[in-house]
Amino acid sequence: MRESLVLADERGRIVFVMPHDRYVLVGTTDTDFAGDPAAVRTEIGDVEYLLAVLAESLPGIKLTNADVATSFAGLRALVREEKEAPSSVPREEVILESASGLITVAGGKFTTHRAIAQKLVDLVMKRIGRPAGICPTLVTSFPGARALADGDSSGSNVSLRSIPTAAAEILKARYGTRAPIVARIASRRAELAEPLSRNCPAIGAEVVNAVGNEMAHSVGDFLIRRTSLSWRSPVEAEAAAPAVARIMAAELGWDRARETAEVASFTHEQQSRRVVV
């Protein structure tokens, strides 16, 4: 599968089907949850629902629970009245201002964060009696999507050319114009230009960069929260955990017990994401 699809169930609810290298991401669902936020997990009913939508829309593809490599779930921050059902709560953000002048944003979502930020800044400027002006958020690029500074391009290209092509492509795809930062680490230590596990779309230099520049302090930080490998490449991520822990141990001064515990913790977390029939 090479192209993304947008499917719908019998009620018109949207389900996305998106290829990610060797895997295909299918979602989403919207299930009410009550309990410890740290314990949220994908429910078997969610998996069966998504497989049913696939079976209805793509009858030639025979999938079962055994074909699901991993799953993940999260909680949406919503602002609702006490008796209001979560599924009926609007997804728009709410800006609250306390008597002390503290301004709080609740709700919203990542895809509207620029618009939310603009509303908040405009409100603050109004409160301090200054004109808001034209907000630059719509034309401000994300880090990694910004053009290289004058004079940096030649050095950057040298660092990317000094490592294997496959490694350079991995870095460019994940870091954009920040790829040379990681490439320079790999160019100084050849072993850090190698994949972290067989077919893993991440190299050792990324772990060093995550520790030094992205405040990663655990194997889960890197594989779950910095690279999303835990769901983009779940099998490869689990296989890569020992290598990630070994590099982080060297960077952070872990002893052998901490290194082993980090691998065990991530493996447990990853296995808990698998679908249990």
Protein backbone atom coordinates (compact mmCIF):
# COMPACT_ATOMS: atom_id res chain seq x y z
CA MET A 1 0.00 0.00 0.00
CA ARG A 2 1.45 3.36 -1.05
CA GLU A 3 -1.38 5.87 -0.84
CA SER A 4 -3.42 7.01 2.15
CA LEU A 5 -7.16 6.35 2.20
CA VAL A 6 -10.10 7.94 3.97
CA LEU A 7 -12.87 5.44 4.72
CA ALA A 8 -16.19 5.83 6.51
CA ASP A 9 -18.44 3.56 8.56
CA GLU A 10 -22.19 3.23 8.13
CA ARG A 11 -22.73 6.39 10.21
CA GLY A 12 -20.30 8.43 8.13
CA ARG A 13 -17.57 8.49 10.77
CA ILE A 14 -14.12 8.90 9.23
CA VAL A 15 -11.36 6.28 9.47
CA PHE A 16 -7.88 7.02 8.13
CA VAL A 17 -5.63 4.38 6.54
CA MET A 18 -2.06 5.62 6.15
CA PRO A 19 1.04 3.69 5.07
CA HIS A 20 4.21 4.02 7.19
CA ASP A 21 7.09 2.07 5.62
CA ARG A 22 6.38 -1.62 6.33
CA TYR A 23 3.22 -0.90 8.33
CA VAL A 24 -0.17 0.71 7.84
CA LEU A 25 -1.68 3.02 10.46
CA VAL A 26 -5.47 2.75 10.87
CA GLY A 27 -7.61 5.00 13.08
CA THR A 28 -9.10 6.68 14.87
CA THR A 29 -11.77 5.76 17.41
CA ASP A 30 -13.43 7.85 20.10
CA THR A 31 -14.07 5.81 23.23
CA ASP A 32 -15.03 7.13 26.66
CA PHE A 33 -12.47 6.34 29.38
CA ALA A 34 -12.51 6.57 33.16
CA GLY A 35 -9.52 5.72 35.31
CA ASP A 36 -5.83 6.41 35.70
CA PRO A 37 -4.64 8.40 32.63
CA ALA A 38 -1.32 6.53 32.80
CA ALA A 39 -3.18 3.24 32.29
CA VAL A 40 -5.07 4.13 29.12
CA ARG A 41 -4.79 1.38 26.51
CA THR A 42 -6.45 0.42 23.25
CA GLU A 43 -9.53 -1.69 23.90
CA ILE A 44 -10.28 -4.81 21.90
CA GLY A 45 -13.57 -3.24 20.80
CA ASP A 46 -11.69 -0.40 19.12
CA VAL A 47 -9.54 -2.84 17.17
CA GLU A 48 -12.52 -4.91 16.07
CA TYR A 49 -14.37 -1.77 14.98
CA LEU A 50 -11.48 -0.62 12.79
CA LEU A 51 -11.01 -4.09 11.28
CA ALA A 52 -14.74 -4.17 10.49
CA VAL A 53 -14.51 -0.84 8.65
CA LEU A 54 -11.57 -2.19 6.64
CA ALA A 55 -13.44 -5.40 5.84
CA GLU A 56 -16.51 -3.46 4.68
CA SER A 57 -14.59 -0.99 2.51
CA LEU A 58 -11.78 -3.28 1.32
CA PRO A 59 -13.30 -6.77 1.17
CA GLY A 60 -10.30 -8.17 -0.69
CA ILE A 61 -8.07 -7.60 2.35
CA LYS A 62 -8.58 -10.32 4.95
CA LEU A 63 -7.27 -9.02 8.27
CA THR A 64 -7.62 -10.37 11.79
CA ASN A 65 -6.39 -9.33 15.22
CA ALA A 66 -3.25 -11.38 14.59
CA ASP A 67 -2.28 -8.92 11.84
CA VAL A 68 -2.17 -5.97 14.26
CA ALA A 69 1.48 -5.30 15.15
CA THR A 70 0.76 -2.69 17.82
CA SER A 71 -1.75 -0.10 18.95
CA PHE A 72 -1.74 3.13 20.91
CA ALA A 73 -4.29 5.30 22.67
CA GLY A 74 -4.36 8.70 24.28
CA LEU A 75 -6.71 11.00 26.13
CA ARG A 76 -8.21 14.13 24.64
CA ALA A 77 -8.36 17.18 26.89
CA LEU A 78 -11.95 18.44 26.86
CA VAL A 79 -13.89 21.09 28.74
CA ARG A 80 -17.33 19.79 29.66
CA GLU A 81 -20.17 20.13 32.09
CA GLU A 82 -20.46 17.47 34.82
CA LYS A 83 -23.35 15.55 33.20
CA GLU A 84 -22.30 16.00 29.57
CA ALA A 85 -21.21 12.87 27.68
CA PRO A 86 -17.56 13.10 26.53
CA SER A 87 -18.46 12.14 22.96
CA SER A 88 -20.79 15.14 22.68
CA VAL A 89 -18.30 17.73 23.95
CA PRO A 90 -17.06 20.23 21.33
CA ARG A 91 -13.37 19.91 20.45
CA GLU A 92 -12.76 23.68 20.31
CA GLU A 93 -10.46 25.29 22.84
CA VAL A 94 -11.61 27.46 25.74
CA ILE A 95 -9.57 30.44 26.97
CA LEU A 96 -10.14 31.13 30.66
CA GLU A 97 -9.01 34.18 32.63
CA SER A 98 -8.90 34.16 36.43
CA ALA A 99 -9.45 37.11 38.76
CA SER A 100 -5.67 37.35 39.23
CA GLY A 101 -5.15 37.73 35.48
CA LEU A 102 -3.85 34.19 34.87
CA ILE A 103 -4.84 33.08 31.38
CA THR A 104 -5.35 29.36 30.76
CA VAL A 105 -6.07 27.47 27.54
CA ALA A 106 -8.09 24.24 27.86
CA GLY A 107 -9.11 21.83 25.14
CA GLY A 108 -8.18 22.34 21.50
CA LYS A 109 -5.90 20.10 19.48
CA PHE A 110 -2.49 20.08 17.87
CA THR A 111 -3.76 20.88 14.38
CA THR A 112 -5.23 24.18 15.58
CA HIS A 113 -2.36 25.19 17.89
CA ARG A 114 -1.25 28.08 15.69
CA ALA A 115 -4.72 29.65 15.72
CA ILE A 116 -4.98 29.10 19.47
CA ALA A 117 -1.61 30.74 20.05
CA GLN A 118 -2.64 33.72 17.94
CA LYS A 119 -5.83 34.21 19.98
CA LEU A 120 -3.87 34.00 23.21
CA VAL A 121 -1.17 36.47 22.15
CA ASP A 122 -3.78 38.91 20.84
CA LEU A 123 -5.59 38.70 24.19
CA VAL A 124 -2.39 39.31 26.16
CA MET A 125 -1.48 42.30 24.00
CA LYS A 126 -4.95 43.76 24.56
CA ARG A 127 -4.61 43.28 28.32
CA ILE A 128 -1.28 45.13 28.45
CA GLY A 129 -2.55 47.90 26.21
CA ARG A 130 -0.36 47.26 23.19
CA PRO A 131 -1.38 46.72 19.57
CA ALA A 132 -1.24 43.09 18.50
CA GLY A 133 -0.08 43.79 14.96
CA ILE A 134 0.03 41.09 12.32
CA CYS A 135 0.66 37.67 13.85
CA PRO A 136 3.53 35.85 12.07
CA THR A 137 2.42 32.35 13.07
CA LEU A 138 0.97 31.36 9.69
CA VAL A 139 4.26 32.01 7.90
CA THR A 140 6.63 30.82 10.62
CA SER A 141 8.20 27.46 9.74
CA PHE A 142 8.69 24.63 12.19
CA PRO A 143 12.25 23.89 13.31
CA GLY A 144 13.75 21.65 10.66
CA ALA A 145 11.62 23.21 7.94
CA ARG A 146 13.57 26.46 7.95
CA ALA A 147 16.12 27.34 5.30
CA LEU A 148 19.78 26.82 6.15
CA ALA A 149 21.58 29.99 7.15
CA ASP A 150 23.96 31.54 4.62
CA GLY A 151 27.34 29.85 4.78
CA ASP A 152 25.98 26.70 6.46
CA SER A 153 24.91 24.81 3.36
CA SER A 154 28.36 23.59 2.28
CA GLY A 155 29.33 22.32 5.72
CA SER A 156 25.93 20.71 6.17
CA ASN A 157 26.15 18.91 2.85
CA VAL A 158 29.63 17.66 3.75
CA SER A 159 28.38 16.10 6.99
CA LEU A 160 25.49 14.37 5.22
CA ARG A 161 27.76 13.13 2.43
CA SER A 162 30.20 11.72 4.96
CA ILE A 163 27.76 9.06 6.20
CA PRO A 164 26.05 6.21 4.29
CA THR A 165 23.31 7.31 1.93
CA ALA A 166 20.65 5.26 3.72
CA ALA A 167 21.52 6.92 7.04
CA ALA A 168 21.49 10.38 5.46
CA GLU A 169 18.03 9.77 3.99
CA ILE A 170 16.71 8.65 7.39
CA LEU A 171 17.99 11.86 8.98
CA LYS A 172 16.65 14.16 6.26
CA ALA A 173 13.21 12.54 6.48
CA ARG A 174 13.01 12.95 10.27
CA TYR A 175 14.93 16.18 10.96
CA GLY A 176 14.65 18.18 7.75
CA THR A 177 17.18 21.01 7.72
CA ARG A 178 18.32 19.94 11.20
CA ALA A 179 19.62 16.66 9.77
CA PRO A 180 23.24 17.91 9.60
CA ILE A 181 23.27 18.27 13.40
CA VAL A 182 22.79 14.53 13.75
CA ALA A 183 24.92 13.73 10.71
CA ARG A 184 27.92 15.42 12.31
CA ILE A 185 27.61 13.06 15.28
CA ALA A 186 27.49 10.05 12.96
CA SER A 187 30.42 11.31 10.88
CA ARG A 188 32.67 11.35 13.95
CA ARG A 189 31.80 7.79 15.00
CA ALA A 190 31.10 5.37 12.17
CA GLU A 191 29.22 2.91 14.39
CA LEU A 192 26.62 5.58 15.13
CA ALA A 193 25.69 5.73 11.45
CA GLU A 194 24.42 2.14 11.60
CA PRO A 195 20.74 1.19 12.13
CA LEU A 196 19.80 0.46 15.73
CA SER A 197 18.38 -2.92 14.70
CA ARG A 198 17.69 -4.85 11.51
CA ASN A 199 15.60 -2.71 9.13
CA CYS A 200 15.20 -0.06 11.84
CA PRO A 201 14.70 3.45 10.35
CA ALA A 202 16.86 5.09 13.02
CA ILE A 203 20.59 5.25 13.65
CA GLY A 204 22.73 5.45 16.77
CA ALA A 205 23.60 9.12 16.32
CA GLU A 206 19.95 9.98 16.85
CA VAL A 207 20.14 8.60 20.38
CA VAL A 208 23.16 10.77 21.18
CA ASN A 209 21.37 13.78 19.71
CA ALA A 210 18.20 13.01 21.68
CA VAL A 211 20.17 12.94 24.93
CA GLY A 212 22.26 16.01 24.20
CA ASN A 213 19.76 18.24 22.40
CA GLU A 214 16.26 16.91 23.11
CA MET A 215 16.39 16.12 26.86
CA ALA A 216 15.76 12.38 26.42
CA HIS A 217 16.37 10.50 29.67
CA SER A 218 14.97 7.03 29.00
CA VAL A 219 14.70 4.42 26.28
CA GLY A 220 10.98 5.18 26.10
CA ASP A 221 11.74 8.88 25.62
CA PHE A 222 13.65 8.04 22.46
CA LEU A 223 11.59 5.20 20.96
CA ILE A 224 8.15 6.52 21.93
CA ARG A 225 8.33 10.29 22.37
CA ARG A 226 11.21 11.47 20.16
CA THR A 227 10.98 9.22 17.09
CA SER A 228 7.55 7.50 17.37
CA LEU A 229 9.28 4.27 16.37
CA SER A 230 7.18 2.39 18.91
CA TRP A 231 4.21 2.62 16.55
CA ARG A 232 5.82 3.51 13.23
CA SER A 233 8.11 0.46 13.34
CA PRO A 234 7.02 -1.55 16.39
CA VAL A 235 8.95 -4.78 15.74
CA GLU A 236 12.14 -2.91 14.89
CA ALA A 237 11.71 -0.60 17.89
CA GLU A 238 11.53 -3.49 20.34
CA ALA A 239 14.60 -5.06 18.76
CA ALA A 240 16.43 -1.72 18.97
CA ALA A 241 15.81 -1.19 22.69
CA PRO A 242 19.08 -2.84 23.87
CA ALA A 243 21.17 -0.73 21.48
CA VAL A 244 19.36 2.44 22.53
CA ALA A 245 19.92 1.60 26.20
CA ARG A 246 23.61 0.87 25.60
CA ILE A 247 24.18 4.24 23.93
CA MET A 248 22.16 6.12 26.53
CA ALA A 249 24.08 4.35 29.31
CA ALA A 250 27.33 5.65 27.87
CA GLU A 251 25.94 9.17 27.48
CA LEU A 252 24.18 9.40 30.85
CA GLY A 253 26.45 7.27 33.03
CA TRP A 254 23.95 4.48 33.76
CA ASP A 255 25.16 1.32 35.47
CA ARG A 256 24.33 -2.11 34.10
CA ALA A 257 21.27 -2.48 36.33
CA ARG A 258 19.74 0.76 35.02
CA GLU A 259 20.49 -0.23 31.44
CA THR A 260 18.76 -3.59 31.89
CA ALA A 261 15.80 -2.00 33.65
CA GLU A 262 15.32 0.51 30.84
CA VAL A 263 15.11 -2.26 28.24
CA ALA A 264 12.68 -4.23 30.40
CA SER A 265 10.49 -1.17 30.99
CA PHE A 266 10.22 -0.34 27.30
CA THR A 267 9.62 -3.98 26.33
CA HIS A 268 6.80 -4.23 28.87
CA GLU A 269 5.28 -1.00 27.57
CA GLN A 270 5.52 -2.18 23.98
CA GLN A 271 4.02 -5.58 24.68
CA SER A 272 1.13 -3.98 26.54
CA ARG A 273 0.18 -2.26 23.27
CA ARG A 274 -0.34 -5.54 21.48
CA VAL A 275 -3.86 -6.72 20.91
CA VAL A 276 -4.94 -9.51 23.24
CA VAL A 277 -7.86 -11.57 21.96
